[in-house]
Amino acid sequence: MSKEPREVKEVTVSRVACDGGAGGHPRVWLQISDELGWVECPYCDCKFVLKNNIDIGH
């Protein structure tokens, strides 16, 4: 069973940074693949979805 992402953010660029918010975790840069259209942060499970690929199912 897959866990649900903590938060889903719709973005317009394929390279995004996540720091978990105020005091969350170290900033990491994530690359959204063209194939999937989304990426999850390995620290906080926030899911970044490209605007034109809003289907958030796994």
PDB file of N, CA and C in Angstrom:
ATOM      1  N   MET A   1       0.842  -1.179   0.000  1.00  0.00           N
ATOM      2  CA  MET A   1       0.000   0.000   0.000  1.00  0.00           C
ATOM      3  C   MET A   1       0.884   1.237   0.000  1.00  0.00           C
ATOM      4  N   SER A   2       0.601   2.186  -0.879  1.00  0.00           N
ATOM      5  CA  SER A   2       1.400   3.405  -0.928  1.00  0.00           C
ATOM      6  C   SER A   2       0.815   4.452   0.010  1.00  0.00           C
ATOM      7  N   LYS A   3       1.692   5.259   0.606  1.00  0.00           N
ATOM      8  CA  LYS A   3       1.221   6.298   1.511  1.00  0.00           C
ATOM      9  C   LYS A   3       0.822   7.536   0.717  1.00  0.00           C
ATOM     10  N   GLU A   4      -0.096   8.296   1.250  1.00  0.00           N
ATOM     11  CA  GLU A   4      -0.550   9.516   0.606  1.00  0.00           C
ATOM     12  C   GLU A   4       0.480  10.623   0.826  1.00  0.00           C
ATOM     13  N   PRO A   5       0.712  11.468  -0.183  1.00  0.00           N
ATOM     14  CA  PRO A   5       1.649  12.576   0.002  1.00  0.00           C
ATOM     15  C   PRO A   5       1.104  13.572   1.016  1.00  0.00           C
ATOM     16  N   ARG A   6       2.003  14.220   1.731  1.00  0.00           N
ATOM     17  CA  ARG A   6       1.596  15.195   2.740  1.00  0.00           C
ATOM     18  C   ARG A   6       0.910  16.390   2.095  1.00  0.00           C
ATOM     19  N   GLU A   7       1.430  16.838   0.984  1.00  0.00           N
ATOM     20  CA  GLU A   7       0.904  18.015   0.303  1.00  0.00           C
ATOM     21  C   GLU A   7       1.158  17.850  -1.190  1.00  0.00           C
ATOM     22  N   VAL A   8       0.274  18.382  -2.013  1.00  0.00           N
ATOM     23  CA  VAL A   8       0.465  18.363  -3.462  1.00  0.00           C
ATOM     24  C   VAL A   8       0.572  19.801  -3.934  1.00  0.00           C
ATOM     25  N   LYS A   9       1.647  20.100  -4.671  1.00  0.00           N
ATOM     26  CA  LYS A   9       1.853  21.447  -5.206  1.00  0.00           C
ATOM     27  C   LYS A   9       1.884  21.380  -6.719  1.00  0.00           C
ATOM     28  N   GLU A  10       1.076  22.189  -7.359  1.00  0.00           N
ATOM     29  CA  GLU A  10       1.059  22.284  -8.814  1.00  0.00           C
ATOM     30  C   GLU A  10       2.124  23.294  -9.234  1.00  0.00           C
ATOM     31  N   VAL A  11       3.013  22.890 -10.153  1.00  0.00           N
ATOM     32  CA  VAL A  11       4.116  23.742 -10.587  1.00  0.00           C
ATOM     33  C   VAL A  11       4.132  23.835 -12.109  1.00  0.00           C
ATOM     34  N   THR A  12       4.850  24.823 -12.620  1.00  0.00           N
ATOM     35  CA  THR A  12       4.923  25.028 -14.069  1.00  0.00           C
ATOM     36  C   THR A  12       6.298  24.733 -14.645  1.00  0.00           C
ATOM     37  N   VAL A  13       7.260  24.373 -13.785  1.00  0.00           N
ATOM     38  CA  VAL A  13       8.612  24.032 -14.235  1.00  0.00           C
ATOM     39  C   VAL A  13       8.962  22.640 -13.739  1.00  0.00           C
ATOM     40  N   SER A  14       9.863  21.960 -14.444  1.00  0.00           N
ATOM     41  CA  SER A  14      10.175  20.578 -14.093  1.00  0.00           C
ATOM     42  C   SER A  14      11.277  20.424 -13.044  1.00  0.00           C
ATOM     43  N   ARG A  15      11.981  21.497 -12.709  1.00  0.00           N
ATOM     44  CA  ARG A  15      13.004  21.436 -11.652  1.00  0.00           C
ATOM     45  C   ARG A  15      12.526  22.290 -10.493  1.00  0.00           C
ATOM     46  N   VAL A  16      12.326  21.657  -9.346  1.00  0.00           N
ATOM     47  CA  VAL A  16      11.776  22.351  -8.185  1.00  0.00           C
ATOM     48  C   VAL A  16      12.650  22.115  -6.964  1.00  0.00           C
ATOM     49  N   ALA A  17      12.574  23.032  -6.009  1.00  0.00           N
ATOM     50  CA  ALA A  17      13.295  22.894  -4.744  1.00  0.00           C
ATOM     51  C   ALA A  17      12.282  22.693  -3.631  1.00  0.00           C
ATOM     52  N   CYS A  18      12.642  21.873  -2.657  1.00  0.00           N
ATOM     53  CA  CYS A  18      11.791  21.655  -1.497  1.00  0.00           C
ATOM     54  C   CYS A  18      12.649  21.748  -0.245  1.00  0.00           C
ATOM     55  N   ASP A  19      12.161  22.507   0.749  1.00  0.00           N
ATOM     56  CA  ASP A  19      12.856  22.583   2.033  1.00  0.00           C
ATOM     57  C   ASP A  19      11.924  22.243   3.195  1.00  0.00           C
ATOM     58  N   GLY A  20      10.741  21.752   2.873  1.00  0.00           N
ATOM     59  CA  GLY A  20       9.805  21.340   3.911  1.00  0.00           C
ATOM     60  C   GLY A  20       9.162  22.472   4.679  1.00  0.00           C
ATOM     61  N   GLY A  21       9.343  23.703   4.238  1.00  0.00           N
ATOM     62  CA  GLY A  21       8.789  24.840   4.965  1.00  0.00           C
ATOM     63  C   GLY A  21       9.716  25.284   6.075  1.00  0.00           C
ATOM     64  N   ALA A  22       9.229  26.123   6.948  1.00  0.00           N
ATOM     65  CA  ALA A  22      10.042  26.704   8.027  1.00  0.00           C
ATOM     66  C   ALA A  22      10.617  25.613   8.921  1.00  0.00           C
ATOM     67  N   GLY A  23      11.927  25.451   8.860  1.00  0.00           N
ATOM     68  CA  GLY A  23      12.616  24.473   9.702  1.00  0.00           C
ATOM     69  C   GLY A  23      12.306  23.024   9.361  1.00  0.00           C
ATOM     70  N   GLY A  24      11.871  22.786   8.139  1.00  0.00           N
ATOM     71  CA  GLY A  24      11.444  21.443   7.743  1.00  0.00           C
ATOM     72  C   GLY A  24      12.580  20.454   7.544  1.00  0.00           C
ATOM     73  N   HIS A  25      13.392  20.688   6.511  1.00  0.00           N
ATOM     74  CA  HIS A  25      14.505  19.794   6.193  1.00  0.00           C
ATOM     75  C   HIS A  25      15.463  20.522   5.262  1.00  0.00           C
ATOM     76  N   PRO A  26      16.639  19.962   5.008  1.00  0.00           N
ATOM     77  CA  PRO A  26      17.577  20.609   4.085  1.00  0.00           C
ATOM     78  C   PRO A  26      16.940  20.783   2.705  1.00  0.00           C
ATOM     79  N   ARG A  27      17.276  21.858   2.030  1.00  0.00           N
ATOM     80  CA  ARG A  27      16.750  22.097   0.678  1.00  0.00           C
ATOM     81  C   ARG A  27      17.300  21.060  -0.283  1.00  0.00           C
ATOM     82  N   VAL A  28      16.400  20.461  -1.040  1.00  0.00           N
ATOM     83  CA  VAL A  28      16.778  19.508  -2.077  1.00  0.00           C
ATOM     84  C   VAL A  28      16.167  19.963  -3.395  1.00  0.00           C
ATOM     85  N   TRP A  29      16.885  19.702  -4.481  1.00  0.00           N
ATOM     86  CA  TRP A  29      16.378  20.001  -5.822  1.00  0.00           C
ATOM     87  C   TRP A  29      15.868  18.709  -6.428  1.00  0.00           C
ATOM     88  N   LEU A  30      14.681  18.777  -6.988  1.00  0.00           N
ATOM     89  CA  LEU A  30      14.020  17.597  -7.544  1.00  0.00           C
ATOM     90  C   LEU A  30      13.708  17.833  -9.008  1.00  0.00           C
ATOM     91  N   GLN A  31      13.814  16.799  -9.817  1.00  0.00           N
ATOM     92  CA  GLN A  31      13.543  16.882 -11.253  1.00  0.00           C
ATOM     93  C   GLN A  31      12.300  16.054 -11.569  1.00  0.00           C
ATOM     94  N   ILE A  32      11.310  16.698 -12.166  1.00  0.00           N
ATOM     95  CA  ILE A  32      10.096  15.998 -12.581  1.00  0.00           C
ATOM     96  C   ILE A  32      10.351  15.397 -13.958  1.00  0.00           C
ATOM     97  N   SER A  33      10.185  14.096 -14.055  1.00  0.00           N
ATOM     98  CA  SER A  33      10.417  13.432 -15.341  1.00  0.00           C
ATOM     99  C   SER A  33       9.241  13.679 -16.272  1.00  0.00           C
ATOM    100  N   ASP A  34       9.530  13.727 -17.572  1.00  0.00           N
ATOM    101  CA  ASP A  34       8.482  13.892 -18.568  1.00  0.00           C
ATOM    102  C   ASP A  34       7.541  12.693 -18.557  1.00  0.00           C
ATOM    103  N   GLU A  35       8.084  11.533 -18.255  1.00  0.00           N
ATOM    104  CA  GLU A  35       7.300  10.304 -18.262  1.00  0.00           C
ATOM    105  C   GLU A  35       6.231  10.289 -17.163  1.00  0.00           C
ATOM    106  N   LEU A  36       6.618  10.653 -15.928  1.00  0.00           N
ATOM    107  CA  LEU A  36       5.682  10.615 -14.808  1.00  0.00           C
ATOM    108  C   LEU A  36       4.858  11.895 -14.672  1.00  0.00           C
ATOM    109  N   GLY A  37       5.511  13.032 -14.837  1.00  0.00           N
ATOM    110  CA  GLY A  37       4.822  14.309 -14.671  1.00  0.00           C
ATOM    111  C   GLY A  37       4.724  14.764 -13.225  1.00  0.00           C
ATOM    112  N   TRP A  38       5.381  14.050 -12.307  1.00  0.00           N
ATOM    113  CA  TRP A  38       5.386  14.418 -10.893  1.00  0.00           C
ATOM    114  C   TRP A  38       6.626  13.842 -10.215  1.00  0.00           C
ATOM    115  N   VAL A  39       6.924  14.386  -9.012  1.00  0.00           N
ATOM    116  CA  VAL A  39       8.025  13.882  -8.199  1.00  0.00           C
ATOM    117  C   VAL A  39       7.658  14.120  -6.737  1.00  0.00           C
ATOM    118  N   GLU A  40       8.112  13.225  -5.860  1.00  0.00           N
ATOM    119  CA  GLU A  40       7.884  13.389  -4.428  1.00  0.00           C
ATOM    120  C   GLU A  40       9.196  13.685  -3.722  1.00  0.00           C
ATOM    121  N   CYS A  41       9.120  14.553  -2.733  1.00  0.00           N
ATOM    122  CA  CYS A  41      10.287  14.877  -1.920  1.00  0.00           C
ATOM    123  C   CYS A  41      10.613  13.673  -1.032  1.00  0.00           C
ATOM    124  N   PRO A  42      11.877  13.243  -1.006  1.00  0.00           N
ATOM    125  CA  PRO A  42      12.251  12.090  -0.179  1.00  0.00           C
ATOM    126  C   PRO A  42      12.222  12.382   1.325  1.00  0.00           C
ATOM    127  N   TYR A  43      12.197  13.655   1.706  1.00  0.00           N
ATOM    128  CA  TYR A  43      12.160  14.015   3.123  1.00  0.00           C
ATOM    129  C   TYR A  43      10.737  14.124   3.658  1.00  0.00           C
ATOM    130  N   CYS A  44       9.894  14.921   2.991  1.00  0.00           N
ATOM    131  CA  CYS A  44       8.582  15.239   3.559  1.00  0.00           C
ATOM    132  C   CYS A  44       7.410  14.674   2.756  1.00  0.00           C
ATOM    133  N   ASP A  45       7.690  13.980   1.657  1.00  0.00           N
ATOM    134  CA  ASP A  45       6.667  13.365   0.817  1.00  0.00           C
ATOM    135  C   ASP A  45       5.757  14.364   0.105  1.00  0.00           C
ATOM    136  N   CYS A  46       6.135  15.640   0.090  1.00  0.00           N
ATOM    137  CA  CYS A  46       5.377  16.618  -0.685  1.00  0.00           C
ATOM    138  C   CYS A  46       5.465  16.204  -2.156  1.00  0.00           C
ATOM    139  N   LYS A  47       4.350  16.276  -2.855  1.00  0.00           N
ATOM    140  CA  LYS A  47       4.314  15.856  -4.256  1.00  0.00           C
ATOM    141  C   LYS A  47       4.208  17.087  -5.138  1.00  0.00           C
ATOM    142  N   PHE A  48       5.112  17.213  -6.104  1.00  0.00           N
ATOM    143  CA  PHE A  48       5.116  18.308  -7.070  1.00  0.00           C
ATOM    144  C   PHE A  48       4.620  17.758  -8.399  1.00  0.00           C
ATOM    145  N   VAL A  49       3.571  18.374  -8.938  1.00  0.00           N
ATOM    146  CA  VAL A  49       2.929  17.900 -10.164  1.00  0.00           C
ATOM    147  C   VAL A  49       2.978  19.014 -11.200  1.00  0.00           C
ATOM    148  N   LEU A  50       3.436  18.675 -12.418  1.00  0.00           N
ATOM    149  CA  LEU A  50       3.421  19.660 -13.495  1.00  0.00           C
ATOM    150  C   LEU A  50       1.990  20.054 -13.807  1.00  0.00           C
ATOM    151  N   LYS A  51       1.757  21.331 -14.021  1.00  0.00           N
ATOM    152  CA  LYS A  51       0.417  21.875 -14.222  1.00  0.00           C
ATOM    153  C   LYS A  51      -0.348  21.148 -15.310  1.00  0.00           C
ATOM    154  N   ASN A  52       0.296  20.813 -16.404  1.00  0.00           N
ATOM    155  CA  ASN A  52      -0.390  20.149 -17.511  1.00  0.00           C
ATOM    156  C   ASN A  52      -0.497  18.642 -17.306  1.00  0.00           C
ATOM    157  N   ASN A  53      -0.142  18.152 -16.118  1.00  0.00           N
ATOM    158  CA  ASN A  53      -0.194  16.720 -15.824  1.00  0.00           C
ATOM    159  C   ASN A  53      -0.750  16.532 -14.421  1.00  0.00           C
ATOM    160  N   ILE A  54      -1.924  17.062 -14.150  1.00  0.00           N
ATOM    161  CA  ILE A  54      -2.458  17.158 -12.808  1.00  0.00           C
ATOM    162  C   ILE A  54      -2.998  15.837 -12.252  1.00  0.00           C
ATOM    163  N   ASP A  55      -3.004  14.751 -13.001  1.00  0.00           N
ATOM    164  CA  ASP A  55      -3.432  13.461 -12.470  1.00  0.00           C
ATOM    165  C   ASP A  55      -2.414  13.024 -11.416  1.00  0.00           C
ATOM    166  N   ILE A  56      -2.820  12.979 -10.131  1.00  0.00           N
ATOM    167  CA  ILE A  56      -1.886  12.702  -9.041  1.00  0.00           C
ATOM    168  C   ILE A  56      -1.915  11.253  -8.606  1.00  0.00           C
ATOM    169  N   GLY A  57      -2.574  10.403  -9.316  1.00  0.00           N
ATOM    170  CA  GLY A  57      -2.579   8.988  -8.961  1.00  0.00           C
ATOM    171  C   GLY A  57      -1.217   8.355  -9.190  1.00  0.00           C
ATOM    172  N   HIS A  58      -0.972   7.250  -8.517  1.00  0.00           N
ATOM    173  CA  HIS A  58       0.329   6.560  -8.654  1.00  0.00           C
ATOM    174  C   HIS A  58       0.249   5.615  -9.786  1.00  0.00           C
TER     175      HIS A  58
END
